Amino acid sequence: MDWFVEFSDALTQPFATAPVWQQMGTIIVVGVPAMIVLAWVLMLVIDLLTQWVKRGWQRTVSSVSSPNS
């Protein structure tokens, strides 16, 4: 596990010592697209769950309302 700590320290050291404008630029260039992708994935998951719940609910309602099923 020490190798991971050393590896992450080596990766974050240049970022921590960089000027503020470079830090903010990096956050904007990397963070904003990542948040957009995360939002799209979350919307997709919510949409799929909603469709799944509606189908299950409709099956339950149709089986209760029609005694032949």
Protein backbone atom coordinates (compact mmCIF):
# COMPACT_ATOMS: atom_id res chain seq x y z
CA MET A 1 0.00 0.00 0.00
CA ASP A 2 2.97 2.31 0.47
CA TRP A 3 3.62 2.25 -3.26
CA PHE A 4 0.17 3.74 -3.87
CA VAL A 5 0.79 6.56 -1.39
CA GLU A 6 4.15 7.33 -3.00
CA PHE A 7 2.61 7.17 -6.47
CA SER A 8 -0.23 9.53 -5.55
CA ASP A 9 2.21 11.89 -3.84
CA ALA A 10 4.34 11.95 -6.99
CA LEU A 11 1.29 12.77 -9.09
CA THR A 12 -0.10 15.48 -6.82
CA GLN A 13 3.18 17.21 -5.99
CA PRO A 14 3.42 19.13 -9.31
CA PHE A 15 -0.23 20.16 -8.99
CA ALA A 16 0.21 21.36 -5.42
CA THR A 17 3.27 23.46 -6.26
CA ALA A 18 1.83 24.91 -9.49
CA PRO A 19 0.63 28.51 -9.66
CA VAL A 20 -3.03 29.11 -8.84
CA TRP A 21 -3.96 29.93 -12.44
CA GLN A 22 -2.64 26.54 -13.57
CA GLN A 23 -4.49 24.78 -10.77
CA MET A 24 -7.75 26.50 -11.69
CA GLY A 25 -7.21 25.80 -15.38
CA THR A 26 -6.62 22.13 -14.66
CA ILE A 27 -9.74 21.94 -12.52
CA ILE A 28 -11.81 23.59 -15.26
CA VAL A 29 -10.36 21.45 -18.06
CA VAL A 30 -10.70 18.17 -16.15
CA GLY A 31 -13.44 18.79 -13.59
CA VAL A 32 -16.14 20.40 -15.71
CA PRO A 33 -16.24 17.67 -18.38
CA ALA A 34 -16.12 15.01 -15.65
CA MET A 35 -19.12 16.60 -13.91
CA ILE A 36 -21.01 16.78 -17.22
CA VAL A 37 -20.38 13.09 -17.89
CA LEU A 38 -21.37 12.22 -14.33
CA ALA A 39 -24.62 14.18 -14.71
CA TRP A 40 -25.47 12.40 -17.98
CA VAL A 41 -24.78 8.98 -16.43
CA LEU A 42 -26.92 9.84 -13.42
CA MET A 43 -29.78 11.00 -15.67
CA LEU A 44 -29.50 7.77 -17.68
CA VAL A 45 -29.63 5.63 -14.54
CA ILE A 46 -32.64 7.54 -13.20
CA ASP A 47 -34.40 7.24 -16.56
CA LEU A 48 -33.77 3.49 -16.76
CA LEU A 49 -34.93 2.97 -13.17
CA THR A 50 -38.06 5.01 -13.83
CA GLN A 51 -38.91 2.94 -16.91
CA TRP A 52 -38.28 -0.28 -14.98
CA VAL A 53 -40.49 0.82 -12.08
CA LYS A 54 -43.29 1.96 -14.42
CA ARG A 55 -43.26 -1.36 -16.29
CA GLY A 56 -43.38 -3.31 -13.04
CA TRP A 57 -46.18 -1.12 -11.69
CA GLN A 58 -48.19 -1.43 -14.92
CA ARG A 59 -47.87 -5.22 -14.85
CA THR A 60 -49.08 -5.26 -11.25
CA VAL A 61 -52.06 -3.00 -12.02
CA SER A 62 -53.02 -4.94 -15.16
CA SER A 63 -52.82 -8.30 -13.38
CA VAL A 64 -55.03 -7.03 -10.54
CA SER A 65 -57.62 -5.45 -12.85
CA SER A 66 -57.99 -8.42 -15.23
CA PRO A 67 -58.87 -11.70 -13.49
CA ASN A 68 -58.02 -13.82 -16.58
CA SER A 69 -54.29 -13.09 -16.34
